[in-house]
C-alpha atoms as a PDB file:
ATOM      1  CA  MET A   1      67.293  39.415  72.731  1.00  0.00           C
ATOM      2  CA  GLU A   2      63.576  40.132  73.071  1.00  0.00           C
ATOM      3  CA  THR A   3      61.046  39.058  70.475  1.00  0.00           C
ATOM      4  CA  ASN A   4      57.368  39.985  70.431  1.00  0.00           C
ATOM      5  CA  ILE A   5      54.988  37.574  68.745  1.00  0.00           C
ATOM      6  CA  TYR A   6      51.446  38.852  68.243  1.00  0.00           C
ATOM      7  CA  PHE A   7      49.010  35.974  67.909  1.00  0.00           C
ATOM      8  CA  ILE A   8      45.967  37.295  66.052  1.00  0.00           C
ATOM      9  CA  ARG A   9      43.022  34.946  66.406  1.00  0.00           C
ATOM     10  CA  HIS A  10      40.670  35.195  63.437  1.00  0.00           C
ATOM     11  CA  ALA A  11      37.434  37.141  63.577  1.00  0.00           C
ATOM     12  CA  HIS A  12      33.958  35.584  63.504  1.00  0.00           C
ATOM     13  CA  SER A  13      33.333  33.101  60.732  1.00  0.00           C
ATOM     14  CA  PRO A  14      30.100  31.121  60.369  1.00  0.00           C
ATOM     15  CA  PHE A  15      30.585  27.391  60.905  1.00  0.00           C
ATOM     16  CA  ILE A  16      30.106  25.366  57.736  1.00  0.00           C
ATOM     17  CA  TYR A  17      30.601  21.630  58.245  1.00  0.00           C
ATOM     18  CA  GLY A  18      33.405  20.284  56.066  1.00  0.00           C
ATOM     19  CA  GLN A  19      34.620  23.761  55.047  1.00  0.00           C
ATOM     20  CA  GLU A  20      37.251  24.300  57.739  1.00  0.00           C
ATOM     21  CA  ARG A  21      39.840  25.754  55.339  1.00  0.00           C
ATOM     22  CA  LYS A  22      37.594  27.945  53.197  1.00  0.00           C
ATOM     23  CA  ARG A  23      35.178  29.524  55.669  1.00  0.00           C
ATOM     24  CA  PRO A  24      35.151  33.307  55.134  1.00  0.00           C
ATOM     25  CA  LEU A  25      34.584  35.966  57.752  1.00  0.00           C
ATOM     26  CA  SER A  26      31.021  37.039  58.427  1.00  0.00           C
ATOM     27  CA  LYS A  27      29.991  40.692  57.991  1.00  0.00           C
ATOM     28  CA  GLU A  28      30.419  41.107  61.762  1.00  0.00           C
ATOM     29  CA  GLY A  29      33.805  39.378  61.508  1.00  0.00           C
ATOM     30  CA  ARG A  30      35.028  41.738  58.792  1.00  0.00           C
ATOM     31  CA  GLU A  31      33.999  44.776  60.841  1.00  0.00           C
ATOM     32  CA  SER A  32      35.737  43.565  64.002  1.00  0.00           C
ATOM     33  CA  ALA A  33      38.835  42.504  62.024  1.00  0.00           C
ATOM     34  CA  THR A  34      39.102  46.050  60.646  1.00  0.00           C
ATOM     35  CA  LYS A  35      38.972  47.478  64.180  1.00  0.00           C
ATOM     36  CA  LEU A  36      41.578  44.991  65.378  1.00  0.00           C
ATOM     37  CA  VAL A  37      43.953  45.742  62.490  1.00  0.00           C
ATOM     38  CA  ASN A  38      43.537  49.491  63.070  1.00  0.00           C
ATOM     39  CA  SER A  39      44.579  49.013  66.704  1.00  0.00           C
ATOM     40  CA  LEU A  40      47.867  47.458  65.524  1.00  0.00           C
ATOM     41  CA  GLN A  41      48.797  50.103  62.916  1.00  0.00           C
ATOM     42  CA  ASP A  42      51.491  51.700  65.091  1.00  0.00           C
ATOM     43  CA  ILE A  43      53.463  48.450  65.320  1.00  0.00           C
ATOM     44  CA  SER A  44      56.142  47.863  62.713  1.00  0.00           C
ATOM     45  CA  PHE A  45      55.989  44.137  61.972  1.00  0.00           C
ATOM     46  CA  ASP A  46      59.165  42.544  60.655  1.00  0.00           C
ATOM     47  CA  THR A  47      57.145  39.723  59.137  1.00  0.00           C
ATOM     48  CA  VAL A  48      53.581  38.415  59.127  1.00  0.00           C
ATOM     49  CA  LEU A  49      52.769  34.719  59.004  1.00  0.00           C
ATOM     50  CA  SER A  50      49.406  32.997  58.847  1.00  0.00           C
ATOM     51  CA  SER A  51      47.501  29.789  58.883  1.00  0.00           C
ATOM     52  CA  PRO A  52      46.378  28.909  55.344  1.00  0.00           C
ATOM     53  CA  TYR A  53      42.701  29.140  56.351  1.00  0.00           C
ATOM     54  CA  THR A  54      40.667  31.867  54.650  1.00  0.00           C
ATOM     55  CA  ARG A  55      39.339  33.357  57.897  1.00  0.00           C
ATOM     56  CA  SER A  56      42.866  33.893  59.251  1.00  0.00           C
ATOM     57  CA  LEU A  57      44.080  35.523  56.057  1.00  0.00           C
ATOM     58  CA  GLN A  58      40.991  37.753  55.857  1.00  0.00           C
ATOM     59  CA  THR A  59      41.484  38.868  59.469  1.00  0.00           C
ATOM     60  CA  LEU A  60      44.978  40.121  58.563  1.00  0.00           C
ATOM     61  CA  GLU A  61      43.778  42.191  55.582  1.00  0.00           C
ATOM     62  CA  GLY A  62      44.842  45.793  56.064  1.00  0.00           C
ATOM     63  CA  LEU A  63      47.736  44.897  58.357  1.00  0.00           C
ATOM     64  CA  ILE A  64      50.121  44.260  55.470  1.00  0.00           C
ATOM     65  CA  ASP A  65      50.010  43.784  51.707  1.00  0.00           C
ATOM     66  CA  PRO A  66      48.388  40.312  51.395  1.00  0.00           C
ATOM     67  CA  SER A  67      51.110  39.201  48.971  1.00  0.00           C
ATOM     68  CA  LYS A  68      53.669  39.630  51.783  1.00  0.00           C
ATOM     69  CA  ILE A  69      51.893  37.309  54.234  1.00  0.00           C
ATOM     70  CA  ILE A  70      53.863  34.088  54.611  1.00  0.00           C
ATOM     71  CA  VAL A  71      51.413  31.188  54.744  1.00  0.00           C
ATOM     72  CA  LYS A  72      52.536  28.260  56.883  1.00  0.00           C
ATOM     73  CA  GLU A  73      50.577  25.012  56.689  1.00  0.00           C
ATOM     74  CA  ASP A  74      51.835  24.012  60.135  1.00  0.00           C
ATOM     75  CA  LEU A  75      50.016  27.000  61.669  1.00  0.00           C
ATOM     76  CA  ARG A  76      46.643  25.535  60.658  1.00  0.00           C
ATOM     77  CA  GLU A  77      44.032  24.876  63.322  1.00  0.00           C
ATOM     78  CA  ARG A  78      44.381  21.731  65.384  1.00  0.00           C
ATOM     79  CA  THR A  79      42.365  18.824  63.998  1.00  0.00           C
ATOM     80  CA  LEU A  80      40.059  17.841  66.845  1.00  0.00           C
ATOM     81  CA  LYS A  81      38.471  14.767  65.277  1.00  0.00           C
ATOM     82  CA  GLY A  82      37.955  12.862  62.053  1.00  0.00           C
ATOM     83  CA  ASN A  83      35.269  13.638  59.486  1.00  0.00           C
ATOM     84  CA  TYR A  84      32.261  12.789  61.642  1.00  0.00           C
ATOM     85  CA  LYS A  85      29.790  14.861  63.641  1.00  0.00           C
ATOM     86  CA  LEU A  86      29.720  15.079  67.428  1.00  0.00           C
ATOM     87  CA  PRO A  87      27.546  17.181  69.728  1.00  0.00           C
ATOM     88  CA  GLU A  88      29.216  20.458  70.719  1.00  0.00           C
ATOM     89  CA  ASN A  89      29.336  19.482  74.411  1.00  0.00           C
ATOM     90  CA  GLU A  90      31.272  16.282  73.587  1.00  0.00           C
ATOM     91  CA  ILE A  91      33.783  18.264  71.554  1.00  0.00           C
ATOM     92  CA  GLU A  92      34.250  20.726  74.425  1.00  0.00           C
ATOM     93  CA  LEU A  93      34.758  17.876  76.917  1.00  0.00           C
ATOM     94  CA  ALA A  94      37.368  16.369  74.599  1.00  0.00           C
ATOM     95  CA  ILE A  95      39.176  19.718  74.309  1.00  0.00           C
ATOM     96  CA  LYS A  96      39.202  20.041  78.094  1.00  0.00           C
ATOM     97  CA  LYS A  97      40.561  16.511  78.498  1.00  0.00           C
ATOM     98  CA  SER A  98      43.207  17.145  75.825  1.00  0.00           C
ATOM     99  CA  PHE A  99      44.711  19.997  77.863  1.00  0.00           C
ATOM    100  CA  GLU A 100      44.756  17.768  80.952  1.00  0.00           C
ATOM    101  CA  ASP A 101      46.343  14.855  79.045  1.00  0.00           C
ATOM    102  CA  LEU A 102      48.471  16.215  76.189  1.00  0.00           C
ATOM    103  CA  ASP A 103      48.392  12.807  74.465  1.00  0.00           C
ATOM    104  CA  PHE A 104      44.584  12.464  74.424  1.00  0.00           C
ATOM    105  CA  ARG A 105      42.758  12.604  71.118  1.00  0.00           C
ATOM    106  CA  LEU A 106      39.419  11.806  69.592  1.00  0.00           C
ATOM    107  CA  GLU A 107      39.428   9.325  66.715  1.00  0.00           C
ATOM    108  CA  GLY A 108      41.032  10.992  63.704  1.00  0.00           C
ATOM    109  CA  GLY A 109      42.116  13.978  65.776  1.00  0.00           C
ATOM    110  CA  GLU A 110      45.417  15.493  66.790  1.00  0.00           C
ATOM    111  CA  THR A 111      46.778  15.591  70.341  1.00  0.00           C
ATOM    112  CA  VAL A 112      47.972  18.836  71.909  1.00  0.00           C
ATOM    113  CA  ARG A 113      51.502  17.417  71.839  1.00  0.00           C
ATOM    114  CA  GLU A 114      51.263  16.603  68.112  1.00  0.00           C
ATOM    115  CA  ALA A 115      49.949  20.096  67.360  1.00  0.00           C
ATOM    116  CA  GLN A 116      52.842  21.556  69.347  1.00  0.00           C
ATOM    117  CA  CYS A 117      55.395  19.385  67.520  1.00  0.00           C
ATOM    118  CA  ARG A 118      54.268  20.643  64.103  1.00  0.00           C
ATOM    119  CA  SER A 119      53.835  24.320  65.003  1.00  0.00           C
ATOM    120  CA  LEU A 120      56.673  25.040  67.433  1.00  0.00           C
ATOM    121  CA  PRO A 121      59.526  24.818  64.880  1.00  0.00           C
ATOM    122  CA  ILE A 122      58.015  27.934  63.254  1.00  0.00           C
ATOM    123  CA  ILE A 123      57.949  29.748  66.599  1.00  0.00           C
ATOM    124  CA  PHE A 124      61.532  28.692  67.381  1.00  0.00           C
ATOM    125  CA  LYS A 125      62.759  30.031  64.008  1.00  0.00           C
ATOM    126  CA  ILE A 126      61.157  33.387  64.796  1.00  0.00           C
ATOM    127  CA  ILE A 127      62.736  33.520  68.251  1.00  0.00           C
ATOM    128  CA  GLU A 128      66.155  32.520  66.880  1.00  0.00           C
ATOM    129  CA  ASN A 129      66.195  35.175  64.142  1.00  0.00           C
ATOM    130  CA  PRO A 130      67.745  38.433  65.428  1.00  0.00           C
ATOM    131  CA  ALA A 131      66.041  40.361  62.598  1.00  0.00           C
ATOM    132  CA  PHE A 132      62.618  39.634  64.109  1.00  0.00           C
ATOM    133  CA  LYS A 133      61.565  41.980  66.911  1.00  0.00           C
ATOM    134  CA  ASN A 134      57.829  42.132  66.153  1.00  0.00           C
ATOM    135  CA  VAL A 135      56.058  39.317  64.317  1.00  0.00           C
ATOM    136  CA  ALA A 136      52.330  38.866  63.686  1.00  0.00           C
ATOM    137  CA  ILE A 137      50.773  35.433  63.263  1.00  0.00           C
ATOM    138  CA  GLY A 138      47.239  34.919  61.962  1.00  0.00           C
ATOM    139  CA  THR A 139      45.950  31.984  63.935  1.00  0.00           C
ATOM    140  CA  HIS A 140      43.124  30.032  65.562  1.00  0.00           C
ATOM    141  CA  GLY A 141      42.077  29.599  69.169  1.00  0.00           C
ATOM    142  CA  ASN A 142      43.063  25.997  69.715  1.00  0.00           C
ATOM    143  CA  ILE A 143      46.461  25.943  67.997  1.00  0.00           C
ATOM    144  CA  MET A 144      47.327  29.277  69.624  1.00  0.00           C
ATOM    145  CA  THR A 145      46.498  27.796  73.035  1.00  0.00           C
ATOM    146  CA  CYS A 146      48.573  24.681  72.254  1.00  0.00           C
ATOM    147  CA  ILE A 147      51.593  26.859  71.415  1.00  0.00           C
ATOM    148  CA  MET A 148      51.161  29.039  74.497  1.00  0.00           C
ATOM    149  CA  ASN A 149      50.692  25.918  76.650  1.00  0.00           C
ATOM    150  CA  TYR A 150      54.139  24.685  75.625  1.00  0.00           C
ATOM    151  CA  PHE A 151      55.755  27.764  77.173  1.00  0.00           C
ATOM    152  CA  ASP A 152      53.387  28.024  80.162  1.00  0.00           C
ATOM    153  CA  ASN A 153      51.026  25.175  80.999  1.00  0.00           C
ATOM    154  CA  SER A 154      48.578  27.529  82.714  1.00  0.00           C
ATOM    155  CA  PHE A 155      47.323  28.239  79.182  1.00  0.00           C
ATOM    156  CA  GLY A 156      44.825  25.448  78.629  1.00  0.00           C
ATOM    157  CA  TYR A 157      41.111  24.821  78.350  1.00  0.00           C
ATOM    158  CA  THR A 158      40.005  27.721  80.578  1.00  0.00           C
ATOM    159  CA  PHE A 159      42.163  30.176  78.630  1.00  0.00           C
ATOM    160  CA  TRP A 160      40.911  28.781  75.300  1.00  0.00           C
ATOM    161  CA  LYS A 161      37.284  29.221  76.447  1.00  0.00           C
ATOM    162  CA  SER A 162      37.985  32.849  77.404  1.00  0.00           C
ATOM    163  CA  THR A 163      39.344  33.898  74.015  1.00  0.00           C
ATOM    164  CA  GLU A 164      37.271  35.926  71.596  1.00  0.00           C
ATOM    165  CA  LYS A 165      36.945  36.260  67.829  1.00  0.00           C
ATOM    166  CA  PRO A 166      39.008  38.217  66.996  1.00  0.00           C
ATOM    167  CA  ASP A 167      41.607  38.429  69.715  1.00  0.00           C
ATOM    168  CA  THR A 168      45.260  39.439  69.940  1.00  0.00           C
ATOM    169  CA  TYR A 169      47.862  38.290  72.440  1.00  0.00           C
ATOM    170  CA  LYS A 170      51.352  39.741  72.574  1.00  0.00           C
ATOM    171  CA  LEU A 171      53.902  37.184  73.775  1.00  0.00           C
ATOM    172  CA  THR A 172      57.292  38.602  74.727  1.00  0.00           C
ATOM    173  CA  PHE A 173      60.240  36.219  74.697  1.00  0.00           C
ATOM    174  CA  ASN A 174      63.825  36.551  75.883  1.00  0.00           C
ATOM    175  CA  GLY A 175      65.392  33.758  73.895  1.00  0.00           C
ATOM    176  CA  TYR A 176      63.186  30.722  74.496  1.00  0.00           C
ATOM    177  CA  HIS A 177      61.884  32.094  77.792  1.00  0.00           C
ATOM    178  CA  LEU A 178      58.350  33.505  77.755  1.00  0.00           C
ATOM    179  CA  ILE A 179      58.521  36.739  79.760  1.00  0.00           C
ATOM    180  CA  SER A 180      54.961  38.014  79.447  1.00  0.00           C
ATOM    181  CA  VAL A 181      51.595  37.626  77.754  1.00  0.00           C
ATOM    182  CA  THR A 182      49.447  40.700  77.181  1.00  0.00           C
ATOM    183  CA  LYS A 183      45.961  40.771  75.707  1.00  0.00           C
ATOM    184  CA  ILE A 184      45.782  43.660  73.235  1.00  0.00           C
ATOM    185  CA  LYS A 185      42.482  45.509  73.464  1.00  0.00           C
ATOM    186  CA  PHE A 186      40.977  47.084  70.370  1.00  0.00           C
END
């Protein structure tokens, strides 16, 4: 049984320290999200799930009636560190190291393995449900990469760095086996 999971990484959202959950899309983000959603209109999604973060939910607007989006807390973005500031280059180095050592974390952060353990049960339930052929998930770059890394460890830091805002990846599964990953252009 084949299942297609479309990971939809949120569109551009301005960084606001301490507002990880509530950051809205920028004007540019809203425009690109509209284009992305329009490119997916011919796909009949059996269900749509999302991270609870505002920018993920806003990216999905137009894909489905917002009241039908199933919000899953365990699809939230990976916590990289505690509530303290670090230079961007130190954060990037830590992300790189975390994909080399799945148990590495910054103080107050979440390892790749921990992020996988909380998010993968949702993915497994999708794969196990014969009613789900096409599923969309509103997501974030790091947690998406953690999930993809579980099925194919070639998805790591370099892949994460190459993703865009927004971005869509179609993952095709046969049971628990990842058959293919396709970047959907819009």
